[in-house]
Structures are given as structure tokens and as C-alpha cells.
Amino acid sequence: YDPPFGTPKATRSEAKAKRVNLRISPRKLNDICRPIRGLSCHEALMQLKLSKKPKAEMVSVCLRNAVNAAMNNFNMDYKRLYIADVNVGKGTTQKKLRRHSRMRMGTAYAYRSHLWMTVKEQPWEKGEIRIGKKGTKLAVLAERERMNKELQEKYADILQTFEDVDYNYDFGDIKADKKSVKK
């Protein structure tokens, strides 16, 4: 099935990105990467943004690098990109001293890990249901877009009033010193 008229052809089928020596253990990094495997890139970025784990930002940076490489270098369509492969590997391990009571010492390990990500463009198919293996159905995405447009049209005047207000207040050169503030 051919893409719609005017859609440029991609020069490659996949784009890759990697990050090495991330300061997180491979097990924890794999826990972050597991839910996004097979998702469309847009959904994966949303999942990573809403993740409670603070190191999810590192994975989203790698994903954004892969998406930018796919779009800018290989002429792929962002709406059709999905995560084909995410690999997590063991990096260097650093030994440190851990102090115990009574001047005794133990060993502590600082783990690092590597992350490789592959992004592919899903080929056009007739009657396709979703982008990626586990992505949201296209009908649901179209319904969300329609609802967003309706809400923007319905509340356009209210949104315009918020855009017109200037929130940059000028307080002059007011400085609070300890002497001038009364208790």
C-alpha cells in the first residue's frame, strides 16, 4: 500500500541512538525501558514524561536523539515512528569504600550501563489498527484530536483573554533588609 500523495519517501528503514556509561544500574534502567518497547514514539515520550522514576529523563533523551536522527537524516514521518528495539547493557563498575563502624571498611559498587535504541517507521498498510506493537489504536487517537479541536474552538475566547493579560509585574527596586522588616 502506497503512502498518501505528497508524503516523502524515507531513505532508510531505521534510525539508531545510543548512550553509554549512564549512572544507573542496568537492572533499574531495564525497568524503565520495559514498558516503552513496541510503543509509538509519541506515546513512549508521554510515558517517560509521566514516569515517577527520575532517571527516565535519560531514556527520553536517547529516544529524542533517535527520533531527530530519523526525521532529519533519513526523512521519516514522526507520526509513523515506533520503538523497534531497546537494549540495555552492562557498563563499567567502579569499586568504592564503604565505611562501617569501628574503623572497618567494606566495598560498595557504582554501576553504569549502556543504552541502545532503534526506531523504525511503520510501513503504510490498508486498514491498519495502530502504530507499533502495543500502541494506542488510531481510531482513539483521531477521536482525541477531534475532541481537542472542539474544546479549543469552544473555549477560544477564554483562552484569548489569558493570552492578552500581561503577568510581568514591575516591583521596582524593593529590597527587604533585616532592619526594615518588622517582627
C-alpha atoms as a PDB file:
ATOM      1  CA  TYR A   1       0.000   0.000   0.000  1.00  0.00           C
ATOM      2  CA  ASP A   2       1.476   3.337  -1.034  1.00  0.00           C
ATOM      3  CA  PRO A   3       1.585   6.325   1.324  1.00  0.00           C
ATOM      4  CA  PRO A   4      -0.693   9.305   0.651  1.00  0.00           C
ATOM      5  CA  PHE A   5       0.319  11.596  -2.181  1.00  0.00           C
ATOM      6  CA  GLY A   6       2.976  14.129  -1.209  1.00  0.00           C
ATOM      7  CA  THR A   7       4.498  12.055   1.594  1.00  0.00           C
ATOM      8  CA  PRO A   8       8.294  11.914   1.116  1.00  0.00           C
ATOM      9  CA  LYS A   9       9.986   8.530   0.980  1.00  0.00           C
ATOM     10  CA  ALA A  10      12.360   7.596   3.792  1.00  0.00           C
ATOM     11  CA  THR A  11      15.964   6.948   2.785  1.00  0.00           C
ATOM     12  CA  ARG A  12      16.416   4.227   5.442  1.00  0.00           C
ATOM     13  CA  SER A  13      14.124   1.894   7.343  1.00  0.00           C
ATOM     14  CA  GLU A  14      15.504   2.555  10.840  1.00  0.00           C
ATOM     15  CA  ALA A  15      17.427   5.038  12.947  1.00  0.00           C
ATOM     16  CA  LYS A  16      19.562   4.309  15.987  1.00  0.00           C
ATOM     17  CA  ALA A  17      20.780   6.193  19.036  1.00  0.00           C
ATOM     18  CA  LYS A  18      22.941   5.193  21.962  1.00  0.00           C
ATOM     19  CA  ARG A  19      24.023   6.497  25.334  1.00  0.00           C
ATOM     20  CA  VAL A  20      26.975   5.000  27.142  1.00  0.00           C
ATOM     21  CA  ASN A  21      28.088   4.990  30.776  1.00  0.00           C
ATOM     22  CA  LEU A  22      24.818   6.174  32.280  1.00  0.00           C
ATOM     23  CA  ARG A  23      24.945   6.415  36.057  1.00  0.00           C
ATOM     24  CA  ILE A  24      22.282   3.837  36.771  1.00  0.00           C
ATOM     25  CA  SER A  25      22.421   0.087  37.196  1.00  0.00           C
ATOM     26  CA  PRO A  26      21.389  -1.979  34.166  1.00  0.00           C
ATOM     27  CA  ARG A  27      18.581  -3.619  36.109  1.00  0.00           C
ATOM     28  CA  LYS A  28      16.974  -0.305  37.044  1.00  0.00           C
ATOM     29  CA  LEU A  29      17.435   1.065  33.528  1.00  0.00           C
ATOM     30  CA  ASN A  30      15.775  -2.029  32.082  1.00  0.00           C
ATOM     31  CA  ASP A  31      12.818  -1.473  34.438  1.00  0.00           C
ATOM     32  CA  ILE A  32      12.357   1.967  32.864  1.00  0.00           C
ATOM     33  CA  CYS A  33      12.761   0.688  29.284  1.00  0.00           C
ATOM     34  CA  ARG A  34      10.490  -2.360  29.553  1.00  0.00           C
ATOM     35  CA  PRO A  35       7.098  -0.573  29.273  1.00  0.00           C
ATOM     36  CA  ILE A  36       8.051   1.508  26.220  1.00  0.00           C
ATOM     37  CA  ARG A  37       9.200  -1.347  23.970  1.00  0.00           C
ATOM     38  CA  GLY A  38       6.951  -1.559  20.924  1.00  0.00           C
ATOM     39  CA  LEU A  39       5.136   1.742  21.547  1.00  0.00           C
ATOM     40  CA  SER A  40       4.898   4.573  19.082  1.00  0.00           C
ATOM     41  CA  CYS A  41       7.492   7.256  19.798  1.00  0.00           C
ATOM     42  CA  HIS A  42       4.902   9.859  20.748  1.00  0.00           C
ATOM     43  CA  GLU A  43       3.309   7.546  23.318  1.00  0.00           C
ATOM     44  CA  ALA A  44       6.688   6.450  24.662  1.00  0.00           C
ATOM     45  CA  LEU A  45       7.723  10.068  25.259  1.00  0.00           C
ATOM     46  CA  MET A  46       4.469  10.674  27.132  1.00  0.00           C
ATOM     47  CA  GLN A  47       5.017   7.537  29.252  1.00  0.00           C
ATOM     48  CA  LEU A  48       8.563   8.595  30.097  1.00  0.00           C
ATOM     49  CA  LYS A  49       7.449  12.124  30.972  1.00  0.00           C
ATOM     50  CA  LEU A  50       4.809  10.767  33.351  1.00  0.00           C
ATOM     51  CA  SER A  51       7.125   8.174  34.886  1.00  0.00           C
ATOM     52  CA  LYS A  52       7.856   8.524  38.588  1.00  0.00           C
ATOM     53  CA  LYS A  53      11.442   7.379  38.145  1.00  0.00           C
ATOM     54  CA  PRO A  54      13.864  10.324  37.940  1.00  0.00           C
ATOM     55  CA  LYS A  55      16.254   8.550  35.554  1.00  0.00           C
ATOM     56  CA  ALA A  56      13.503   8.230  32.918  1.00  0.00           C
ATOM     57  CA  GLU A  57      14.746  11.557  31.562  1.00  0.00           C
ATOM     58  CA  MET A  58      17.929   9.838  30.331  1.00  0.00           C
ATOM     59  CA  VAL A  59      15.874   7.340  28.325  1.00  0.00           C
ATOM     60  CA  SER A  60      13.726  10.110  26.859  1.00  0.00           C
ATOM     61  CA  VAL A  61      16.882  11.986  25.756  1.00  0.00           C
ATOM     62  CA  CYS A  62      18.078   8.877  23.913  1.00  0.00           C
ATOM     63  CA  LEU A  63      14.639   8.417  22.326  1.00  0.00           C
ATOM     64  CA  ARG A  64      14.543  12.059  21.210  1.00  0.00           C
ATOM     65  CA  ASN A  65      18.003  11.644  19.665  1.00  0.00           C
ATOM     66  CA  ALA A  66      16.809   8.617  17.705  1.00  0.00           C
ATOM     67  CA  VAL A  67      13.651  10.437  16.568  1.00  0.00           C
ATOM     68  CA  ASN A  68      15.630  13.508  15.482  1.00  0.00           C
ATOM     69  CA  ALA A  69      18.058  11.321  13.549  1.00  0.00           C
ATOM     70  CA  ALA A  70      15.135   9.566  11.849  1.00  0.00           C
ATOM     71  CA  MET A  71      13.397  12.799  10.889  1.00  0.00           C
ATOM     72  CA  ASN A  72      16.359  14.981   9.933  1.00  0.00           C
ATOM     73  CA  ASN A  73      18.800  12.472   8.457  1.00  0.00           C
ATOM     74  CA  PHE A  74      16.547   9.799   6.965  1.00  0.00           C
ATOM     75  CA  ASN A  75      13.367  11.754   6.119  1.00  0.00           C
ATOM     76  CA  MET A  76      10.990   9.607   8.215  1.00  0.00           C
ATOM     77  CA  ASP A  77       7.500  10.644   9.310  1.00  0.00           C
ATOM     78  CA  TYR A  78       7.215  11.337  13.069  1.00  0.00           C
ATOM     79  CA  LYS A  79       3.625  10.118  13.307  1.00  0.00           C
ATOM     80  CA  ARG A  80       4.609   6.687  11.951  1.00  0.00           C
ATOM     81  CA  LEU A  81       7.708   6.062  14.126  1.00  0.00           C
ATOM     82  CA  TYR A  82       7.729   3.316  16.734  1.00  0.00           C
ATOM     83  CA  ILE A  83      10.350   1.819  19.026  1.00  0.00           C
ATOM     84  CA  ALA A  84      11.555  -1.391  17.431  1.00  0.00           C
ATOM     85  CA  ASP A  85      14.309  -2.321  19.849  1.00  0.00           C
ATOM     86  CA  VAL A  86      15.690  -1.152  23.190  1.00  0.00           C
ATOM     87  CA  ASN A  87      18.817  -2.831  24.537  1.00  0.00           C
ATOM     88  CA  VAL A  88      20.362  -2.246  27.936  1.00  0.00           C
ATOM     89  CA  GLY A  89      23.915  -3.417  28.600  1.00  0.00           C
ATOM     90  CA  LYS A  90      26.291  -3.535  31.491  1.00  0.00           C
ATOM     91  CA  GLY A  91      28.856  -0.742  31.636  1.00  0.00           C
ATOM     92  CA  THR A  92      31.905  -0.247  33.798  1.00  0.00           C
ATOM     93  CA  THR A  93      31.668  -0.972  37.517  1.00  0.00           C
ATOM     94  CA  GLN A  94      33.581   1.163  39.968  1.00  0.00           C
ATOM     95  CA  LYS A  95      34.599  -0.082  43.397  1.00  0.00           C
ATOM     96  CA  LYS A  96      34.313   2.325  46.290  1.00  0.00           C
ATOM     97  CA  LEU A  97      34.990   2.106  50.001  1.00  0.00           C
ATOM     98  CA  ARG A  98      32.050   1.913  52.343  1.00  0.00           C
ATOM     99  CA  ARG A  99      32.833   2.894  55.915  1.00  0.00           C
ATOM    100  CA  HIS A 100      31.480   0.772  58.734  1.00  0.00           C
ATOM    101  CA  SER A 101      31.669   1.212  62.466  1.00  0.00           C
ATOM    102  CA  ARG A 102      34.906   0.753  64.432  1.00  0.00           C
ATOM    103  CA  MET A 103      37.112   1.879  61.503  1.00  0.00           C
ATOM    104  CA  ARG A 104      36.215  -1.106  59.345  1.00  0.00           C
ATOM    105  CA  MET A 105      35.733  -0.896  55.617  1.00  0.00           C
ATOM    106  CA  GLY A 106      33.575  -2.658  53.081  1.00  0.00           C
ATOM    107  CA  THR A 107      33.174  -2.417  49.318  1.00  0.00           C
ATOM    108  CA  ALA A 108      30.441  -0.556  47.508  1.00  0.00           C
ATOM    109  CA  TYR A 109      29.898  -0.756  43.761  1.00  0.00           C
ATOM    110  CA  ALA A 110      28.903   2.105  41.468  1.00  0.00           C
ATOM    111  CA  TYR A 111      27.218   0.598  38.412  1.00  0.00           C
ATOM    112  CA  ARG A 112      26.984   2.137  34.966  1.00  0.00           C
ATOM    113  CA  SER A 113      25.069   0.967  31.943  1.00  0.00           C
ATOM    114  CA  HIS A 114      24.720   1.437  28.198  1.00  0.00           C
ATOM    115  CA  LEU A 115      21.511   2.070  26.250  1.00  0.00           C
ATOM    116  CA  TRP A 116      20.902   1.368  22.543  1.00  0.00           C
ATOM    117  CA  MET A 117      17.613   2.317  20.901  1.00  0.00           C
ATOM    118  CA  THR A 118      16.292   1.548  17.411  1.00  0.00           C
ATOM    119  CA  VAL A 119      13.377   3.457  15.894  1.00  0.00           C
ATOM    120  CA  LYS A 120      11.579   2.293  12.748  1.00  0.00           C
ATOM    121  CA  GLU A 121       8.943   3.792  10.507  1.00  0.00           C
ATOM    122  CA  GLN A 122       5.869   1.617  10.210  1.00  0.00           C
ATOM    123  CA  PRO A 123       5.043   0.931   6.547  1.00  0.00           C
ATOM    124  CA  TRP A 124       1.672   2.043   5.240  1.00  0.00           C
ATOM    125  CA  GLU A 125      -0.938  -0.729   5.304  1.00  0.00           C
ATOM    126  CA  LYS A 126      -4.556  -0.753   4.331  1.00  0.00           C
ATOM    127  CA  GLY A 127      -6.831  -0.994   7.368  1.00  0.00           C
ATOM    128  CA  GLU A 128      -4.039  -0.662   9.929  1.00  0.00           C
ATOM    129  CA  ILE A 129      -5.119  -0.501  13.543  1.00  0.00           C
ATOM    130  CA  ARG A 130      -2.198   1.012  15.468  1.00  0.00           C
ATOM    131  CA  ILE A 131       1.354   2.292  15.236  1.00  0.00           C
ATOM    132  CA  GLY A 132       3.816  -0.147  16.853  1.00  0.00           C
ATOM    133  CA  LYS A 133       3.099  -3.459  18.533  1.00  0.00           C
ATOM    134  CA  LYS A 134       1.423  -2.086  21.655  1.00  0.00           C
ATOM    135  CA  GLY A 135       0.446   1.438  20.629  1.00  0.00           C
ATOM    136  CA  THR A 136      -2.919   3.142  21.047  1.00  0.00           C
ATOM    137  CA  LYS A 137      -5.415   2.464  18.284  1.00  0.00           C
ATOM    138  CA  LEU A 138      -5.522   5.048  15.517  1.00  0.00           C
ATOM    139  CA  ALA A 139      -9.279   5.499  15.905  1.00  0.00           C
ATOM    140  CA  VAL A 140      -8.778   6.512  19.548  1.00  0.00           C
ATOM    141  CA  LEU A 141      -6.043   8.986  18.566  1.00  0.00           C
ATOM    142  CA  ALA A 142      -8.287  10.530  15.882  1.00  0.00           C
ATOM    143  CA  GLU A 143     -11.107  10.868  18.420  1.00  0.00           C
ATOM    144  CA  ARG A 144      -8.757  12.617  20.879  1.00  0.00           C
ATOM    145  CA  GLU A 145      -7.626  15.078  18.207  1.00  0.00           C
ATOM    146  CA  ARG A 146     -11.242  15.823  17.280  1.00  0.00           C
ATOM    147  CA  MET A 147     -12.148  16.443  20.942  1.00  0.00           C
ATOM    148  CA  ASN A 148      -9.126  18.731  21.405  1.00  0.00           C
ATOM    149  CA  LYS A 149     -10.151  20.809  18.394  1.00  0.00           C
ATOM    150  CA  GLU A 150     -13.724  21.081  19.698  1.00  0.00           C
ATOM    151  CA  LEU A 151     -12.511  22.223  23.109  1.00  0.00           C
ATOM    152  CA  GLN A 152     -10.167  24.787  21.584  1.00  0.00           C
ATOM    153  CA  GLU A 153     -12.979  26.196  19.448  1.00  0.00           C
ATOM    154  CA  LYS A 154     -15.428  26.204  22.362  1.00  0.00           C
ATOM    155  CA  TYR A 155     -13.082  27.982  24.769  1.00  0.00           C
ATOM    156  CA  ALA A 156     -11.152  30.114  22.272  1.00  0.00           C
ATOM    157  CA  ASP A 157     -12.424  33.409  23.751  1.00  0.00           C
ATOM    158  CA  ILE A 158     -11.442  32.396  27.297  1.00  0.00           C
ATOM    159  CA  LEU A 159      -8.000  31.262  26.165  1.00  0.00           C
ATOM    160  CA  GLN A 160      -7.556  34.555  24.310  1.00  0.00           C
ATOM    161  CA  THR A 161      -8.192  36.565  27.486  1.00  0.00           C
ATOM    162  CA  PHE A 162      -5.415  34.667  29.279  1.00  0.00           C
ATOM    163  CA  GLU A 163      -3.022  35.354  26.418  1.00  0.00           C
ATOM    164  CA  ASP A 164      -3.823  39.087  26.479  1.00  0.00           C
ATOM    165  CA  VAL A 165      -3.024  39.560  30.191  1.00  0.00           C
ATOM    166  CA  ASP A 166       0.490  40.740  30.981  1.00  0.00           C
ATOM    167  CA  TYR A 167       1.798  38.868  34.009  1.00  0.00           C
ATOM    168  CA  ASN A 168       5.156  40.660  34.172  1.00  0.00           C
ATOM    169  CA  TYR A 169       4.750  42.928  37.188  1.00  0.00           C
ATOM    170  CA  ASP A 170       7.445  45.516  37.900  1.00  0.00           C
ATOM    171  CA  PHE A 171       8.070  45.905  41.619  1.00  0.00           C
ATOM    172  CA  GLY A 172      10.874  48.418  41.201  1.00  0.00           C
ATOM    173  CA  ASP A 173      13.904  48.242  43.456  1.00  0.00           C
ATOM    174  CA  ILE A 174      12.243  46.917  46.601  1.00  0.00           C
ATOM    175  CA  LYS A 175      14.746  45.160  48.820  1.00  0.00           C
ATOM    176  CA  ALA A 176      13.886  43.630  52.154  1.00  0.00           C
ATOM    177  CA  ASP A 177      16.593  44.116  54.751  1.00  0.00           C
ATOM    178  CA  LYS A 178      16.561  42.565  58.196  1.00  0.00           C
ATOM    179  CA  LYS A 179      16.363  46.022  59.740  1.00  0.00           C
ATOM    180  CA  SER A 180      13.403  47.226  57.655  1.00  0.00           C
ATOM    181  CA  VAL A 181      11.259  44.125  58.237  1.00  0.00           C
ATOM    182  CA  LYS A 182       9.287  44.393  61.491  1.00  0.00           C
ATOM    183  CA  LYS A 183       8.636  41.291  63.527  1.00  0.00           C
END
